[in-house]
Amino acid sequence: MGTYLQDKKLGFSYVKFKIDAREIVVNVKVYFRMTSEGVDQSTTFTQETHLTPDLKLKHFVLVQGLMGHRQKVQAKVKEGRLEFYVTSPDFKKKDSMPFPLTTAPSATYLLNIVRSGLTVGKKGEVSVLVEPFQMIADLTYKILRKEKAELEGKQVDIYVVKQNMGGVESTFWVTESGVILREESPQGFKSIREPEAVATDLGEEAFPVSRFITLSLIRPQHEIHKSRDLEKIKLIISGMRSSGLIPRDHRQKVLTTKKLSNGRYASTVMIESKLPAFEEAARFPVSIKDSERDRLLGASPRVQVHHPEIRALSNLLAQGEVDSWRLAKIINRWVYDNMDKALLDTVTAVDALRERRGECQSHTYLFAALARAAGIPTKIVNGLVYSEDYGGFLYHAWPEVFVGEWRALDPTLGQDRVDATHIKLTENEREDPFKLMEFVSRVDIEIIE
């Protein structure tokens, strides 16, 4: 399959099935060739999945590569649980999760849909394991119609199927035997079945990462001047699929939500950036509930809290400090001053520390690792922020710290108090990755005041 975004070749994917009486083995490779500021940002996913003859998962190995950085996920099903081991050069973790036998890996769920029968008008649901995130999501689908198409010189019946997983929609064209001819998404992504030589021919120029910026840009009805100084904003976010998507917190309030004539929802949101007042910040390490420790202080593949280089710098920055808010501001300033601002994904906190450059996620991962290593509970927030350079809202990441109360900072922009154009959509790097996709290329923003 050749992969395209807005008719520009982005990469390719490859699937191979080996079926015998004992098991089904599926090998998948996905490759995206991208560049940013002259630096290779190419991404590769390879996965080998082993299923029983009746499509139950046995085990899989997934290897992800980005800019030469590698992460491996090995997993097997045992006694109703998925046991997995995540490794990278700077991170290792063994864990497990409940795993219903009816759950299908994302690499092979299409087999379940095809085997259940393709009938026009049929609706169905599949519980899908999203292997890179070790999480389970529900996928719904509907078979819209049957068409004729050419496959290897012959006219065959194909079914047009619309699917939705966590708000991410796509439509694919598939034969009764499970051969996909085409897949399209509302965001402009397309995968087309092509001869291998055509699918893997990516041309001379790599896909520029900067094109993703304009793809996700949301322009309000007028520009915002001096946005970094804005302390309060009231706006309407419209076009959402459901009513409870926008989070509420210490700086963001959802005033009203209404259903629109097209079935989508619109919410009026008030955001204030003024700092609440407290007499004294909490001393660090900050005390929190045991149930929250792993989420707010723990390590992850991208936030390597226990890495020696992270802990050494965190200890250095914390010398002589006892006030958690003052230390959070020290870490924030250090990351801002010592990281070059570049449209490059440096993948993890350790990579960001070593390479000293990156975009908002790189800054945020490094801040979170340093703050958590010092004992400051930290969330990673994903959302929108206004860019005067682009004249609209772009997707952005920043941290929040608990220092007796929650406060938001931005190490990418050098803000100890994020301005009011920071709109939170999700929080924490382990939150459902599909939730952010509920907003991408879907919503409009109108500024009220």
Protein backbone atom coordinates (compact mmCIF):
# COMPACT_ATOMS: atom_id res chain seq x y z
CA MET A 1 0.00 0.00 0.00
CA GLY A 2 1.31 3.45 -0.92
CA THR A 3 0.50 6.04 1.77
CA TYR A 4 -0.38 9.61 0.84
CA LEU A 5 -1.31 12.80 2.68
CA GLN A 6 -3.12 15.38 0.60
CA ASP A 7 -1.90 13.51 -2.51
CA LYS A 8 1.78 13.78 -1.47
CA LYS A 9 3.57 10.44 -1.02
CA LEU A 10 4.33 9.90 2.66
CA GLY A 11 5.39 6.27 2.82
CA PHE A 12 4.15 2.70 2.39
CA SER A 13 2.88 -0.30 4.31
CA TYR A 14 3.31 -4.01 3.75
CA VAL A 15 1.37 -6.99 5.13
CA LYS A 16 2.18 -10.68 4.72
CA PHE A 17 0.05 -13.59 5.99
CA LYS A 18 1.26 -17.14 6.65
CA ILE A 19 -1.59 -19.52 7.44
CA ASP A 20 -1.36 -23.20 8.40
CA ALA A 21 -3.28 -25.63 10.59
CA ARG A 22 -1.49 -24.56 13.79
CA GLU A 23 -1.47 -20.78 13.63
CA ILE A 24 -1.69 -17.60 11.58
CA VAL A 25 1.42 -15.41 11.40
CA VAL A 26 1.05 -11.81 10.22
CA ASN A 27 4.03 -9.60 9.40
CA VAL A 28 3.43 -5.87 9.05
CA LYS A 29 5.80 -3.08 8.09
CA VAL A 30 4.90 0.62 7.98
CA TYR A 31 7.35 3.28 6.83
CA PHE A 32 6.90 7.06 6.74
CA ARG A 33 9.70 9.16 5.26
CA MET A 34 9.71 12.69 6.69
CA THR A 35 12.20 15.49 7.18
CA SER A 36 12.33 18.67 9.24
CA GLU A 37 14.91 21.42 8.96
CA GLY A 38 17.16 19.07 7.03
CA VAL A 39 17.00 16.34 9.69
CA ASP A 40 15.61 12.87 8.94
CA GLN A 41 12.40 12.26 10.89
CA SER A 42 11.50 8.95 9.27
CA THR A 43 9.39 6.49 11.25
CA THR A 44 9.24 2.70 10.93
CA PHE A 45 6.93 0.15 12.57
CA THR A 46 7.50 -3.59 12.12
CA GLN A 47 5.39 -6.20 13.87
CA GLU A 48 5.09 -9.98 13.83
CA THR A 49 1.82 -11.27 15.29
CA HIS A 50 0.95 -14.90 16.01
CA LEU A 51 -2.72 -15.93 16.22
CA THR A 52 -4.52 -19.21 16.83
CA PRO A 53 -6.51 -20.59 13.85
CA ASP A 54 -9.65 -19.02 15.37
CA LEU A 55 -7.93 -15.57 15.50
CA LYS A 56 -7.07 -15.44 19.22
CA LEU A 57 -3.83 -13.56 19.98
CA LYS A 58 -0.90 -15.72 21.12
CA HIS A 59 2.03 -13.28 21.10
CA PHE A 60 3.60 -10.43 19.13
CA VAL A 61 6.81 -8.42 18.78
CA LEU A 62 6.61 -4.75 17.77
CA VAL A 63 9.65 -2.62 16.94
CA GLN A 64 9.26 1.15 16.46
CA GLY A 65 12.03 3.32 15.06
CA LEU A 66 12.27 7.11 14.80
CA MET A 67 15.43 9.02 13.82
CA GLY A 68 17.54 6.00 14.74
CA HIS A 69 15.84 5.63 18.14
CA ARG A 70 14.34 2.20 18.78
CA GLN A 71 11.64 0.83 21.09
CA LYS A 72 10.62 -2.80 21.30
CA VAL A 73 7.39 -4.26 22.74
CA GLN A 74 7.23 -8.02 23.31
CA ALA A 75 3.94 -9.45 24.54
CA LYS A 76 2.15 -12.75 25.09
CA VAL A 77 -1.27 -13.79 26.33
CA LYS A 78 -1.26 -15.89 29.49
CA GLU A 79 -4.24 -16.84 31.67
CA GLY A 80 -6.45 -13.97 30.60
CA ARG A 81 -3.75 -11.32 30.79
CA LEU A 82 -1.39 -9.69 28.33
CA GLU A 83 2.15 -9.78 29.69
CA PHE A 84 4.40 -7.26 27.94
CA TYR A 85 7.97 -6.08 28.13
CA VAL A 86 8.86 -2.62 26.79
CA THR A 87 12.53 -1.87 26.13
CA SER A 88 14.52 0.97 24.62
CA PRO A 89 18.17 2.02 25.07
CA ASP A 90 17.21 4.09 28.15
CA PHE A 91 14.08 2.37 29.49
CA LYS A 92 12.91 -1.10 30.51
CA LYS A 93 9.54 -2.09 31.92
CA LYS A 94 7.70 -5.38 32.47
CA ASP A 95 3.95 -5.21 33.11
CA SER A 96 0.63 -6.90 32.43
CA MET A 97 -3.01 -6.00 31.83
CA PRO A 98 -6.36 -7.83 31.66
CA PHE A 99 -6.91 -9.20 28.17
CA PRO A 100 -10.31 -10.60 27.10
CA LEU A 101 -9.92 -13.44 24.59
CA THR A 102 -12.21 -11.65 22.12
CA THR A 103 -9.76 -8.76 21.77
CA ALA A 104 -8.04 -8.47 18.38
CA PRO A 105 -4.66 -6.80 17.73
CA SER A 106 -4.83 -3.65 15.61
CA ALA A 107 -2.48 -5.37 13.15
CA THR A 108 -5.03 -8.12 12.41
CA TYR A 109 -8.54 -7.01 13.46
CA LEU A 110 -9.64 -6.82 9.82
CA LEU A 111 -9.51 -10.65 9.75
CA ASN A 112 -12.19 -10.67 12.46
CA ILE A 113 -14.45 -8.36 10.44
CA VAL A 114 -14.03 -10.39 7.25
CA ARG A 115 -14.57 -13.75 8.97
CA SER A 116 -17.77 -12.52 10.62
CA GLY A 117 -19.21 -11.95 7.13
CA LEU A 118 -19.52 -8.92 4.86
CA THR A 119 -23.12 -7.87 4.25
CA VAL A 120 -24.29 -4.44 3.11
CA GLY A 121 -25.88 -2.56 6.02
CA LYS A 122 -24.24 -4.71 8.68
CA LYS A 123 -22.96 -2.96 11.80
CA GLY A 124 -20.45 -4.42 14.20
CA GLU A 125 -17.96 -3.78 16.98
CA VAL A 126 -14.49 -5.19 17.63
CA SER A 127 -12.43 -4.80 20.81
CA VAL A 128 -8.97 -3.80 19.53
CA LEU A 129 -5.56 -3.88 21.21
CA VAL A 130 -3.52 -0.83 20.23
CA GLU A 131 -0.08 -2.42 20.51
CA PRO A 132 2.18 0.69 20.63
CA PHE A 133 0.24 2.02 23.66
CA GLN A 134 -0.67 -1.29 25.33
CA MET A 135 -4.31 -0.24 25.55
CA ILE A 136 -7.68 -1.57 24.38
CA ALA A 137 -10.22 0.49 22.40
CA ASP A 138 -13.59 -0.29 20.85
CA LEU A 139 -13.82 -0.12 17.06
CA THR A 140 -17.25 0.19 15.44
CA TYR A 141 -17.91 -0.35 11.76
CA LYS A 142 -20.69 -0.29 9.18
CA ILE A 143 -20.68 -1.86 5.72
CA LEU A 144 -21.99 0.91 3.47
CA ARG A 145 -22.25 -0.71 0.01
CA LYS A 146 -20.86 -3.19 -2.48
CA GLU A 147 -18.99 -2.12 -5.62
CA LYS A 148 -17.00 -3.61 -8.49
CA ALA A 149 -13.25 -3.02 -8.83
CA GLU A 150 -10.30 -4.44 -10.69
CA LEU A 151 -7.85 -6.67 -8.82
CA GLU A 152 -4.95 -8.27 -10.69
CA GLY A 153 -6.73 -7.85 -14.02
CA LYS A 154 -10.09 -9.25 -12.88
CA GLN A 155 -13.37 -7.59 -11.86
CA VAL A 156 -14.17 -8.46 -8.23
CA ASP A 157 -16.77 -7.52 -5.61
CA ILE A 158 -15.54 -5.13 -2.95
CA TYR A 159 -17.23 -3.83 0.17
CA VAL A 160 -17.00 -0.25 1.38
CA VAL A 161 -16.65 -0.21 5.17
CA LYS A 162 -16.67 2.84 7.44
CA GLN A 163 -14.97 2.44 10.81
CA ASN A 164 -14.48 4.53 13.93
CA MET A 165 -12.04 3.90 16.77
CA GLY A 166 -11.91 6.47 19.55
CA GLY A 167 -13.20 9.18 17.22
CA VAL A 168 -10.69 8.35 14.47
CA GLU A 169 -12.69 7.60 11.33
CA SER A 170 -11.67 6.01 8.05
CA THR A 171 -13.27 4.21 5.14
CA PHE A 172 -11.75 1.19 3.43
CA TRP A 173 -12.51 -0.87 0.34
CA VAL A 174 -12.02 -4.62 0.91
CA THR A 175 -12.69 -7.87 -0.98
CA GLU A 176 -14.55 -10.82 0.52
CA SER A 177 -11.20 -12.53 1.07
CA GLY A 178 -9.82 -9.57 3.05
CA VAL A 179 -7.66 -7.81 0.46
CA ILE A 180 -7.74 -4.05 1.07
CA LEU A 181 -7.65 -1.97 -2.10
CA ARG A 182 -7.90 1.47 -0.54
CA GLU A 183 -8.32 3.33 2.75
CA GLU A 184 -9.12 7.02 3.28
CA SER A 185 -9.56 9.34 6.28
CA PRO A 186 -11.28 12.74 6.57
CA GLN A 187 -7.87 14.30 7.39
CA GLY A 188 -6.61 13.60 3.86
CA PHE A 189 -4.67 10.38 4.49
CA LYS A 190 -4.95 7.69 1.81
CA SER A 191 -3.50 4.20 1.41
CA ILE A 192 -3.76 2.65 -2.04
CA ARG A 193 -2.90 -0.90 -3.10
CA GLU A 194 -0.05 -0.59 -5.62
CA PRO A 195 2.66 -2.77 -7.13
CA GLU A 196 5.61 -2.99 -4.74
CA ALA A 197 7.88 -0.93 -6.97
CA VAL A 198 5.29 1.87 -7.09
CA ALA A 199 4.36 1.78 -3.39
CA THR A 200 7.98 1.93 -2.22
CA ASP A 201 9.01 4.65 -4.69
CA LEU A 202 8.95 7.75 -2.47
CA GLY A 203 10.61 10.09 -4.93
CA GLU A 204 13.56 12.33 -4.20
CA GLU A 205 11.99 14.69 -1.64
CA ALA A 206 10.95 13.49 1.82
CA PHE A 207 7.60 14.64 3.22
CA PRO A 208 8.15 17.88 5.20
CA VAL A 209 6.93 17.74 8.81
CA SER A 210 5.92 21.40 8.48
CA ARG A 211 2.97 20.31 6.32
CA PHE A 212 1.40 18.73 9.38
CA ILE A 213 1.30 22.18 10.98
CA THR A 214 -0.90 23.70 8.30
CA LEU A 215 -3.02 20.54 8.32
CA SER A 216 -3.93 21.05 11.97
CA LEU A 217 -4.05 24.88 12.04
CA ILE A 218 -7.33 26.34 13.39
CA ARG A 219 -7.89 29.96 12.41
CA PRO A 220 -10.34 32.00 14.52
CA GLN A 221 -12.40 34.82 13.01
CA HIS A 222 -9.71 37.37 13.87
CA GLU A 223 -6.08 37.41 14.94
CA ILE A 224 -4.92 37.71 18.56
CA HIS A 225 -2.24 40.31 19.19
CA LYS A 226 0.25 39.96 22.06
CA SER A 227 -1.13 36.49 22.75
CA ARG A 228 1.69 35.63 25.18
CA ASP A 229 0.43 38.40 27.50
CA LEU A 230 -3.23 37.35 27.40
CA GLU A 231 -4.58 36.55 30.87
CA LYS A 232 -8.21 35.75 30.01
CA ILE A 233 -10.12 34.53 26.96
CA LYS A 234 -13.65 33.34 26.24
CA LEU A 235 -14.24 31.27 23.14
CA ILE A 236 -16.52 28.74 21.47
CA ILE A 237 -15.11 25.39 20.33
CA SER A 238 -17.52 23.74 17.88
CA GLY A 239 -17.63 20.57 15.80
CA MET A 240 -17.05 17.97 18.55
CA ARG A 241 -18.52 14.47 18.24
CA SER A 242 -19.67 14.27 21.87
CA SER A 243 -20.47 16.71 24.65
CA GLY A 244 -17.93 15.96 27.38
CA LEU A 245 -14.62 16.12 25.55
CA ILE A 246 -13.15 19.37 26.91
CA PRO A 247 -11.60 18.98 30.37
CA ARG A 248 -12.24 21.39 33.23
CA ASP A 249 -9.51 22.43 35.65
CA HIS A 250 -8.08 25.24 37.77
CA ARG A 251 -7.74 27.57 34.77
CA GLN A 252 -10.26 26.22 32.25
CA LYS A 253 -14.05 26.28 32.70
CA VAL A 254 -16.70 24.95 30.33
CA LEU A 255 -19.59 27.40 30.70
CA THR A 256 -22.15 25.86 28.33
CA THR A 257 -22.42 23.01 25.83
CA LYS A 258 -25.11 22.63 23.18
CA LYS A 259 -25.93 20.22 20.40
CA LEU A 260 -25.83 21.70 16.90
CA SER A 261 -28.21 20.99 14.01
CA ASN A 262 -25.58 18.75 12.36
CA GLY A 263 -25.39 16.52 15.45
CA ARG A 264 -22.04 17.91 16.59
CA TYR A 265 -21.48 19.88 19.81
CA ALA A 266 -20.24 23.35 20.69
CA SER A 267 -18.86 24.43 24.06
CA THR A 268 -18.29 27.91 25.42
CA VAL A 269 -15.01 27.89 27.36
CA MET A 270 -13.47 30.46 29.71
CA ILE A 271 -9.72 30.29 30.33
CA GLU A 272 -7.82 32.42 32.87
CA SER A 273 -4.07 32.41 33.33
CA LYS A 274 -3.83 34.29 36.62
CA LEU A 275 -1.99 32.41 39.33
CA PRO A 276 -4.09 31.42 42.36
CA ALA A 277 -2.53 32.71 45.55
CA PHE A 278 -1.17 30.45 48.28
CA GLU A 279 0.84 31.41 51.33
CA GLU A 280 3.49 28.73 50.92
CA ALA A 281 4.14 26.09 48.26
CA ALA A 282 4.52 22.45 49.24
CA ARG A 283 7.99 21.20 50.11
CA PHE A 284 9.39 18.52 47.83
CA PRO A 285 9.16 15.63 47.47
CA VAL A 286 5.46 16.51 47.37
CA SER A 287 3.12 14.09 49.14
CA ILE A 288 0.34 12.53 47.03
CA LYS A 289 -1.90 9.47 47.22
CA ASP A 290 -0.23 6.12 46.54
CA SER A 291 -2.78 5.46 43.78
CA GLU A 292 -1.50 8.57 41.94
CA ARG A 293 2.24 7.99 42.32
CA ASP A 294 2.83 6.02 39.14
CA ARG A 295 0.74 8.39 37.00
CA LEU A 296 2.26 11.62 38.35
CA LEU A 297 5.76 10.61 39.48
CA GLY A 298 6.46 7.43 37.52
CA ALA A 299 8.60 6.71 34.49
CA SER A 300 7.42 5.90 30.98
CA PRO A 301 9.20 5.06 27.70
CA ARG A 302 9.36 8.79 26.89
CA VAL A 303 9.85 10.17 30.41
CA GLN A 304 12.75 8.21 31.91
CA VAL A 305 12.58 9.49 35.47
CA HIS A 306 15.15 7.03 36.85
CA HIS A 307 17.83 7.49 34.20
CA PRO A 308 21.19 8.49 35.78
CA GLU A 309 21.60 11.58 33.57
CA ILE A 310 18.10 12.81 34.41
CA ARG A 311 18.54 12.24 38.14
CA ALA A 312 21.97 13.89 38.19
CA LEU A 313 20.67 17.08 36.56
CA SER A 314 17.52 17.09 38.69
CA ASN A 315 19.59 16.81 41.86
CA LEU A 316 21.89 19.60 40.66
CA LEU A 317 18.98 21.96 39.97
CA ALA A 318 17.37 21.11 43.32
CA GLN A 319 20.46 21.88 45.44
CA GLY A 320 19.57 24.17 48.33
CA GLU A 321 15.86 24.29 47.37
CA VAL A 322 12.95 23.15 49.51
CA ASP A 323 10.08 25.08 47.86
CA SER A 324 8.47 22.93 45.13
CA TRP A 325 7.12 25.89 43.13
CA ARG A 326 10.48 27.68 43.08
CA LEU A 327 12.15 24.46 41.94
CA ALA A 328 9.53 23.95 39.20
CA LYS A 329 10.33 27.43 37.90
CA ILE A 330 14.08 26.71 38.04
CA ILE A 331 13.58 23.53 35.97
CA ASN A 332 11.30 25.38 33.57
CA ARG A 333 13.88 28.10 32.99
CA TRP A 334 16.72 25.58 32.57
CA VAL A 335 14.83 23.64 29.87
CA TYR A 336 13.86 26.86 28.06
CA ASP A 337 17.40 28.27 28.15
CA ASN A 338 19.20 25.04 27.22
CA MET A 339 16.96 23.60 24.50
CA ASP A 340 17.02 24.96 20.94
CA LYS A 341 13.53 25.49 19.52
CA ALA A 342 13.31 23.25 16.44
CA LEU A 343 10.56 21.37 14.64
CA LEU A 344 12.23 18.09 15.55
CA ASP A 345 10.92 15.22 17.62
CA THR A 346 13.74 14.08 19.90
CA VAL A 347 11.48 11.22 21.07
CA THR A 348 12.29 11.04 24.82
CA ALA A 349 13.46 13.11 27.77
CA VAL A 350 16.94 11.57 27.64
CA ASP A 351 17.22 12.27 23.91
CA ALA A 352 16.17 15.88 24.50
CA LEU A 353 18.77 16.24 27.27
CA ARG A 354 21.54 14.87 25.08
CA GLU A 355 20.63 16.63 21.83
CA ARG A 356 19.46 19.93 23.39
CA ARG A 357 16.90 20.66 20.67
CA GLY A 358 13.34 19.76 19.84
CA GLU A 359 9.72 20.86 19.65
CA CYS A 360 7.15 21.24 22.40
CA GLN A 361 6.89 17.56 23.32
CA SER A 362 10.66 17.27 23.65
CA HIS A 363 10.72 20.25 26.04
CA THR A 364 7.76 18.88 27.99
CA TYR A 365 9.12 15.33 28.31
CA LEU A 366 12.43 16.69 29.63
CA PHE A 367 10.72 19.03 32.10
CA ALA A 368 8.45 16.20 33.33
CA ALA A 369 11.37 13.82 33.84
CA LEU A 370 13.41 16.39 35.80
CA ALA A 371 10.44 17.50 37.92
CA ARG A 372 9.29 13.97 38.73
CA ALA A 373 12.86 12.95 39.57
CA ALA A 374 12.82 15.75 42.15
CA GLY A 375 9.53 14.50 43.60
CA ILE A 376 7.20 17.08 42.00
CA PRO A 377 3.99 15.46 40.64
CA THR A 378 3.75 16.38 36.95
CA LYS A 379 1.17 15.95 34.20
CA ILE A 380 1.82 16.24 30.48
CA VAL A 381 -0.89 18.29 28.79
CA ASN A 382 -1.79 18.20 25.11
CA GLY A 383 -3.95 20.88 23.57
CA LEU A 384 -3.89 24.04 21.51
CA VAL A 385 -2.00 27.32 21.73
CA TYR A 386 -2.28 30.44 19.62
CA SER A 387 0.60 31.17 17.22
CA GLU A 388 0.98 34.72 15.95
CA ASP A 389 3.36 33.43 13.27
CA TYR A 390 0.63 31.23 11.77
CA GLY A 391 -2.37 33.35 12.74
CA GLY A 392 -4.22 30.50 14.44
CA PHE A 393 -4.24 27.74 17.02
CA LEU A 394 -1.74 24.87 16.71
CA TYR A 395 -1.41 21.62 18.62
CA HIS A 396 0.97 21.95 21.54
CA ALA A 397 2.22 20.22 24.70
CA TRP A 398 3.12 21.66 28.11
CA PRO A 399 3.41 20.43 31.73
CA GLU A 400 1.41 21.01 34.90
CA VAL A 401 2.87 20.56 38.38
CA PHE A 402 1.26 19.97 41.77
CA VAL A 403 2.92 22.26 44.33
CA GLY A 404 0.08 22.37 46.85
CA GLU A 405 -2.23 23.21 43.93
CA TRP A 406 -1.98 22.61 40.19
CA ARG A 407 -0.08 25.14 38.09
CA ALA A 408 0.68 25.15 34.36
CA LEU A 409 4.05 26.15 32.87
CA ASP A 410 5.48 26.15 29.35
CA PRO A 411 9.20 25.33 28.93
CA THR A 412 8.94 25.75 25.15
CA LEU A 413 7.74 29.35 25.41
CA GLY A 414 9.55 30.12 28.68
CA GLN A 415 6.36 30.84 30.63
CA ASP A 416 6.06 30.23 34.36
CA ARG A 417 2.39 31.06 33.88
CA VAL A 418 0.93 29.85 30.61
CA ASP A 419 -1.06 32.47 28.72
CA ALA A 420 -4.80 32.13 28.28
CA THR A 421 -4.56 30.84 24.69
CA HIS A 422 -3.37 27.47 26.03
CA ILE A 423 -6.47 25.25 25.63
CA LYS A 424 -6.18 21.87 27.38
CA LEU A 425 -7.62 18.90 25.47
CA THR A 426 -5.95 15.89 27.14
CA GLU A 427 -3.52 15.30 29.98
CA ASN A 428 -0.73 12.82 30.72
CA GLU A 429 1.31 10.97 28.12
CA ARG A 430 -0.52 7.72 28.89
CA GLU A 431 -4.03 9.06 28.35
CA ASP A 432 -6.04 7.63 25.47
CA PRO A 433 -4.09 8.82 22.39
CA PHE A 434 -7.28 8.79 20.35
CA LYS A 435 -8.88 11.53 22.41
CA LEU A 436 -6.74 14.24 20.81
CA MET A 437 -7.81 12.97 17.39
CA GLU A 438 -11.37 13.93 18.31
CA PHE A 439 -10.28 17.52 17.65
CA VAL A 440 -7.76 17.27 14.78
CA SER A 441 -9.21 18.78 11.60
CA ARG A 442 -12.67 18.67 13.19
CA VAL A 443 -13.22 21.76 15.31
CA ASP A 444 -13.58 25.50 14.79
CA ILE A 445 -12.80 28.23 17.30
CA GLU A 446 -14.66 31.52 17.66
CA ILE A 447 -13.29 34.14 20.07
CA ILE A 448 -16.01 35.87 22.07
CA GLU A 449 -13.92 38.09 24.32
